Each structure stands twice: as C-alpha cells, then as structure tokens.
Protein backbone atom coordinates (compact mmCIF):
# COMPACT_ATOMS: atom_id res chain seq x y z
CA MET A 1 92.61 108.43 116.30
CA THR A 2 92.95 106.18 113.30
CA THR A 3 93.05 101.99 114.20
CA GLY A 4 93.52 99.47 112.37
CA MET A 5 89.58 98.72 112.32
CA ASP A 6 89.38 101.93 110.57
CA TRP A 7 91.81 100.33 108.08
CA THR A 8 89.70 98.00 106.93
CA ALA A 9 86.83 99.42 106.00
CA GLN A 10 86.86 103.67 104.93
CA VAL A 11 90.62 104.69 105.29
CA GLY A 12 91.84 101.51 103.63
CA ARG A 13 89.27 102.20 100.25
CA SER A 14 90.23 105.65 100.41
CA TRP A 15 94.01 104.87 100.09
CA ALA A 16 93.30 102.12 97.70
CA ASP A 17 91.46 104.71 95.43
CA ASN A 18 94.36 107.21 95.70
CA TYR A 19 97.37 105.13 95.76
CA ARG A 20 99.05 107.40 93.09
CA LEU A 21 98.79 110.34 94.80
CA THR A 22 99.28 108.72 98.40
CA ASP A 23 103.00 107.35 97.12
CA ARG A 24 103.92 110.61 95.23
CA SER A 25 103.41 112.53 98.53
CA PHE A 26 106.09 110.04 99.81
CA SER A 27 108.02 110.48 97.28
CA GLY A 28 110.71 112.01 98.69
CA LEU A 29 111.17 110.25 101.95
CA THR A 30 110.76 106.73 99.52
CA GLY A 31 113.89 107.46 98.26
CA ARG A 32 116.22 107.79 101.83
CA LEU A 33 114.04 104.75 102.75
CA LEU A 34 114.90 102.50 100.15
CA GLU A 35 118.70 103.42 100.69
CA ARG A 36 119.12 103.01 103.79
CA ILE A 37 117.06 99.49 103.49
CA SER A 38 119.71 99.04 100.43
CA GLU A 39 122.50 98.69 103.77
CA TYR A 40 121.15 95.71 105.10
CA ASP A 41 121.57 91.91 103.32
CA GLY A 42 118.19 90.13 103.59
CA ASN A 43 116.70 87.70 101.05
CA THR A 44 113.35 87.09 102.40
CA VAL A 45 111.78 90.51 103.26
CA LEU A 46 108.44 91.45 104.73
CA ASP A 47 106.73 94.66 104.16
CA ILE A 48 104.87 95.53 106.89
CA GLY A 49 101.30 97.64 106.11
CA CYS A 50 102.61 97.21 102.84
CA GLY A 51 99.53 99.41 101.22
CA ALA A 52 99.54 99.23 97.73
CA GLY A 53 103.00 97.99 97.58
CA GLU A 54 105.08 100.23 96.20
CA LEU A 55 107.78 100.29 99.00
CA ALA A 56 107.68 96.38 99.16
CA LEU A 57 107.98 96.30 95.00
CA ALA A 58 110.55 98.61 94.76
CA VAL A 59 112.56 96.35 97.27
CA ALA A 60 111.87 93.21 94.89
CA ARG A 61 112.95 95.12 91.96
CA GLN A 62 116.37 95.68 93.77
CA ARG A 63 116.57 92.07 94.52
CA PRO A 64 115.64 90.04 92.15
CA GLY A 65 117.22 87.08 94.15
CA ALA A 66 114.87 87.80 97.19
CA GLU A 67 111.41 86.54 98.38
CA VAL A 68 109.29 89.57 98.77
CA VAL A 69 105.78 89.44 100.86
CA GLY A 70 103.88 92.49 101.85
CA VAL A 71 101.17 92.14 104.83
CA ASP A 72 98.39 94.61 105.24
CA VAL A 73 95.20 94.80 107.05
CA SER A 74 92.56 96.42 104.08
CA PRO A 75 91.58 93.78 101.81
CA ASP A 76 91.80 97.02 99.36
CA LEU A 77 95.20 97.93 99.39
CA ILE A 78 96.08 94.11 99.01
CA THR A 79 93.96 93.70 96.00
CA VAL A 80 95.48 97.00 94.38
CA ALA A 81 99.55 95.82 95.53
CA ASN A 82 98.16 92.57 93.53
CA GLU A 83 97.24 94.37 90.63
CA ARG A 84 100.76 96.03 90.55
CA GLY A 85 102.84 93.45 91.46
CA ALA A 86 101.62 90.98 89.21
CA GLN A 87 104.48 90.89 86.67
CA HIS A 88 107.01 90.65 89.71
CA GLY A 89 107.69 87.44 90.50
CA ASN A 90 109.09 87.52 93.44
CA ALA A 91 106.84 89.80 95.24
CA ARG A 92 103.55 89.01 97.14
CA PHE A 93 100.97 90.65 98.79
CA VAL A 94 98.77 88.81 101.71
CA HIS A 95 95.76 90.26 103.62
CA GLY A 96 96.44 90.38 107.49
CA ASP A 97 97.29 91.97 110.36
CA ALA A 98 101.14 92.09 111.36
CA ALA A 99 100.39 91.94 114.82
CA SER A 100 99.16 88.37 114.59
CA TRP A 101 101.47 87.52 111.57
CA THR A 102 102.87 84.10 111.33
CA GLY A 103 105.01 83.76 107.84
CA GLY A 104 104.89 79.57 108.19
CA THR A 105 107.90 78.47 106.73
CA PHE A 106 108.77 82.13 105.98
CA ALA A 107 110.72 83.43 108.24
CA PRO A 108 112.38 87.18 107.41
CA ASP A 109 115.29 88.43 107.92
CA LEU A 110 115.03 91.84 106.75
CA LEU A 111 111.88 93.48 107.81
CA VAL A 112 110.73 96.86 106.12
CA SER A 113 107.58 99.48 106.22
CA ARG A 114 107.21 102.94 105.08
CA HIS A 115 104.72 104.39 107.42
CA GLY A 116 103.15 101.11 108.39
CA VAL A 117 103.61 100.41 112.00
CA MET A 118 102.01 103.54 113.84
CA PHE A 119 98.66 101.83 114.00
CA PHE A 120 98.61 98.50 116.26
CA ASP A 121 96.49 98.21 119.20
CA ASP A 122 99.33 96.74 121.43
CA PRO A 123 102.40 97.69 119.73
CA PRO A 124 104.93 95.94 121.94
CA ALA A 125 102.98 92.95 121.22
CA ALA A 126 102.90 93.79 118.08
CA PHE A 127 106.95 94.31 117.42
CA ALA A 128 107.47 91.24 120.11
CA ASN A 129 105.05 88.98 117.60
CA LEU A 130 107.47 90.19 114.66
CA HIS A 131 110.50 89.45 117.08
CA ALA A 132 109.31 86.08 116.82
CA ALA A 133 108.37 85.28 113.20
CA SER A 134 111.67 86.87 112.12
CA ALA A 135 115.00 84.82 111.65
CA GLU A 136 118.09 84.87 113.86
CA GLY A 137 119.84 88.11 113.05
CA ALA A 138 117.07 89.83 111.66
CA ARG A 139 117.13 93.69 110.42
CA MET A 140 114.35 96.01 110.52
CA VAL A 141 114.37 99.59 108.69
CA PHE A 142 110.98 101.21 108.87
CA SER A 143 109.92 105.15 108.77
CA CYS A 144 106.76 107.18 110.86
CA PHE A 145 106.33 110.90 111.36
CA ARG A 146 108.07 113.19 113.59
CA ALA A 147 105.47 115.77 115.49
CA PRO A 148 102.43 116.86 113.91
CA GLY A 149 104.15 120.37 114.83
CA GLU A 150 106.90 119.36 112.24
CA ASN A 151 104.38 118.62 109.75
CA PRO A 152 102.92 121.49 108.86
CA TRP A 153 100.65 119.59 106.23
CA ALA A 154 98.74 118.02 109.12
CA SER A 155 99.12 120.13 111.73
CA GLU A 156 97.61 123.21 109.82
CA ILE A 157 95.34 121.71 108.20
CA SER A 158 93.85 120.11 111.38
CA ALA A 159 93.59 123.97 112.52
CA LEU A 160 92.10 125.06 109.64
CA ILE A 161 89.17 122.23 109.46
CA GLY A 162 88.91 122.20 113.76
CA VAL A 163 89.97 118.68 114.15
CA GLN A 164 90.78 118.07 117.59
CA PRO A 165 94.33 116.23 118.78
CA SER A 166 93.97 112.93 120.32
CA ALA A 167 94.27 113.38 123.99
CA ASP A 168 96.72 110.15 124.04
CA PRO A 169 99.71 111.31 121.54
CA THR A 170 100.85 107.90 121.53
CA ALA A 171 97.31 106.64 120.36
CA PRO A 172 97.25 104.74 117.06
CA GLY A 173 97.52 106.77 114.21
CA PRO A 174 99.58 109.26 112.09
CA PHE A 175 101.63 110.49 114.69
CA ALA A 176 101.44 107.45 117.36
CA PHE A 177 105.67 107.06 117.03
CA ALA A 178 106.51 110.74 116.83
CA ASP A 179 108.12 110.68 120.56
CA PRO A 180 111.48 108.92 120.09
CA ASP A 181 111.47 107.37 123.46
CA HIS A 182 108.29 105.94 122.89
CA VAL A 183 109.60 104.51 120.05
CA THR A 184 112.51 102.92 121.91
CA ALA A 185 110.56 101.50 124.47
CA ILE A 186 108.26 99.79 122.01
CA LEU A 187 110.94 98.31 119.66
CA THR A 188 112.87 96.77 123.16
CA ALA A 189 109.80 95.79 125.02
CA GLY A 190 109.30 93.97 121.61
CA GLY A 191 112.65 91.89 121.47
CA TRP A 192 114.40 94.33 119.49
CA GLN A 193 118.11 95.37 120.00
CA ASP A 194 120.09 98.78 119.37
CA PRO A 195 116.73 101.22 118.31
CA HIS A 196 118.49 103.96 116.45
CA LEU A 197 116.12 107.01 114.99
CA GLU A 198 117.52 109.23 112.03
CA ALA A 199 115.68 112.69 111.63
CA PHE A 200 114.93 112.91 108.23
CA ASN A 201 113.13 116.21 106.65
CA PHE A 202 110.95 115.62 103.04
CA ALA A 203 109.08 117.84 100.68
CA TYR A 204 105.54 116.43 101.16
CA VAL A 205 104.29 116.94 97.66
CA ALA A 206 100.07 117.37 97.71
CA GLY A 207 99.38 118.67 94.22
CA LYS A 208 100.86 118.68 90.84
CA GLY A 209 100.61 120.03 87.66
CA GLU A 210 98.19 122.34 85.44
CA ASP A 211 96.46 123.25 88.89
CA PRO A 212 98.13 121.92 91.78
CA VAL A 213 95.54 123.65 94.39
CA GLN A 214 92.53 121.09 93.01
CA ASP A 215 94.85 118.21 92.68
CA ALA A 216 95.84 119.00 96.86
CA LEU A 217 92.15 119.67 97.54
CA ALA A 218 90.92 116.15 95.82
CA LEU A 219 94.18 114.70 98.00
CA PHE A 220 93.20 116.04 101.20
CA ARG A 221 89.56 114.78 100.64
CA TYR A 222 90.48 111.56 101.54
CA ILE A 223 93.71 111.13 102.72
CA GLY A 224 95.19 112.63 105.46
CA PRO A 225 93.54 114.46 109.07
CA ALA A 226 91.06 116.56 107.40
CA ALA A 227 89.30 113.59 105.04
CA ALA A 228 87.74 112.12 108.14
CA THR A 229 85.87 115.87 108.87
CA LEU A 230 85.02 116.94 105.55
CA ARG A 231 83.48 113.38 104.86
CA GLN A 232 81.11 114.10 108.02
CA LEU A 233 79.95 117.77 106.43
CA GLN A 234 77.18 118.99 104.87
CA GLY A 235 75.72 121.36 102.45
CA ASP A 236 77.16 124.92 103.34
CA ASP A 237 79.15 123.56 105.93
CA ARG A 238 81.69 121.32 103.31
CA THR A 239 81.49 124.29 100.71
CA ARG A 240 82.86 126.70 103.81
CA ALA A 241 85.52 124.17 104.96
CA GLU A 242 86.55 123.63 101.37
CA GLY A 243 86.70 127.15 100.61
CA TRP A 244 88.92 127.31 103.49
CA LEU A 245 91.19 124.72 102.41
CA ARG A 246 91.56 126.11 99.02
CA GLU A 247 92.98 129.17 100.25
CA TRP A 248 95.34 127.81 102.66
CA LEU A 249 96.30 125.88 99.76
CA GLU A 250 96.72 128.65 97.40
CA GLU A 251 99.05 130.21 100.15
CA HIS A 252 101.25 127.10 99.76
CA ARG A 253 101.25 126.95 96.21
CA SER A 254 104.61 127.51 94.27
CA GLY A 255 104.20 127.50 89.90
CA ASP A 256 102.81 123.74 89.51
CA LEU A 257 103.15 122.44 93.32
CA VAL A 258 101.81 122.88 96.44
CA ALA A 259 104.19 121.36 98.59
CA PHE A 260 105.22 121.07 102.49
CA SER A 261 107.89 120.23 104.70
CA ALA A 262 107.77 116.84 106.28
CA GLY A 263 109.64 115.52 109.35
CA ALA A 264 110.03 111.53 109.77
CA TRP A 265 112.06 109.46 111.21
CA ILE A 266 113.62 106.52 109.89
CA VAL A 267 114.01 103.74 112.73
CA THR A 268 116.72 100.95 112.40
CA ALA A 269 116.69 98.07 114.90
CA ARG A 270 118.37 94.56 114.99
CA HIS A 271 116.41 90.99 116.09
C-alpha cells in the first residue's frame, strides 16, 4: 500500500528522479486527459497531486490567460515542477496536501489531476475540502487506474516478484479508485455532483530505444509495484528477481519498444 506519507519520502524522491520515464509511460493517457480538460472553461486551475508538473504545465500552455497552481505532498516533486515551470509565468507549484489545502483568495474553477487522487487517507474528507475551496460551479477532471487485472504491467509484475495484493482494495494506493461505485460514492460524499467515469485504454510505455528492456528495467526498479520489493532484496535474491523481470520484459518487447496495455478511468464531476 502506498500512502501520502510514502510520497513525502522514498516514493516521491524516486518519481522526482525519474519523472521523464513516468511522463513517457503516461503519454497515451495524458493526451486524452487534456482533450477532456479542454472541454471545460476555467481561469483558475488546480492540479491535485501535480507530481513533476507535466499536466499543469500543459494546461498553462493551453490557457495562457489562466492561473494554474499545482499542489503535491512531495517536496522533491515540487522542486522539479518549479524548475520545469520556471519559464511559465502563469503556473506555480506549492508543497502541500490537497486533503487540507486552502487556496486563500485562489478559488479554482477547474480542478484536474493525472493519477494524483488515489492516495488520500480519507478520500471523502479530502474531496469535501477541495469542494469547499473551489468556486461555485467549478468542474473537476481526473484520471485513475482501473482494476489491476486491466493493467498487466502491474498485475503480472506483482505476481512475478511476489508482491502481495492489499487486503483492502480501496486502501490508499494506485488502484484505490478502480471500483466506479466506490469513486462515485466518494465524490458524492464530498459534495461533488454528476460524477461520470469514462473507460480509457492506453499503451503504458515502459521501455524505448536501442535496449528497451534495460530501459524498462530501470523504470521498474524505482517506479511501480515491484520497486519496494526490489529495494528490500539483496545479493543473489536481488539478482534472481531482476533476472525474472528481465525475461518477462523480453516477452513484451516489440522492436525498440516495451509497452503494455493499461486501463484508466477519466472522471468528471461538477461543484
């Protein structure tokens, strides 16, 4: 289980160090998410769990007259986001927890997120806080993963390395929002109306280039369900596990690419 606390420590540091790889892995989803975001007006935009800032910066480029704020619990990710956004005068990034964030005079009329909402300890309270901080009539658009079985890059690697699934599928973590009824209940409890979930499939690009298997191995050493387990292994155990992982990645190689099918929800709701 990955919690908000993890993002302030090792997980956040790993994502900050490897943001180019993670942005690439989500590239097929990001384009569709931006299309959905573009359907809504908004001059004050909040990116929830903004990570290294890719989505917020894309929105800022699309809306040069808007004020875009990204918030994330990881100080390492916020540092990277601010470095990337240094040339974007209409985007800024703040270290904080969206579950308790208050924007002062900044009341977002559009809230967005790319996979940044599944780690709240108390999701209904977090979304209620975001509702209270938002402008009347605000819109929300975010993405989250569907079930592990619809994301073989995660379910197969977990089985391979021996990562045990959480006893509570709705516990904070990558797949906490997989159940659409659960997501609808959370949003409704938080005051959000007309929640709608759109299923979207994309290619999760794990490796690319001259040696895409090595590239993908570099990603999964630090990002994804195997990362924590691999960090704990030493010596021959680590070598053996990485050997299994390399063979599995070879099976999914196609030329200069290692990619997997991935399933996400794109969720919309209104204030």
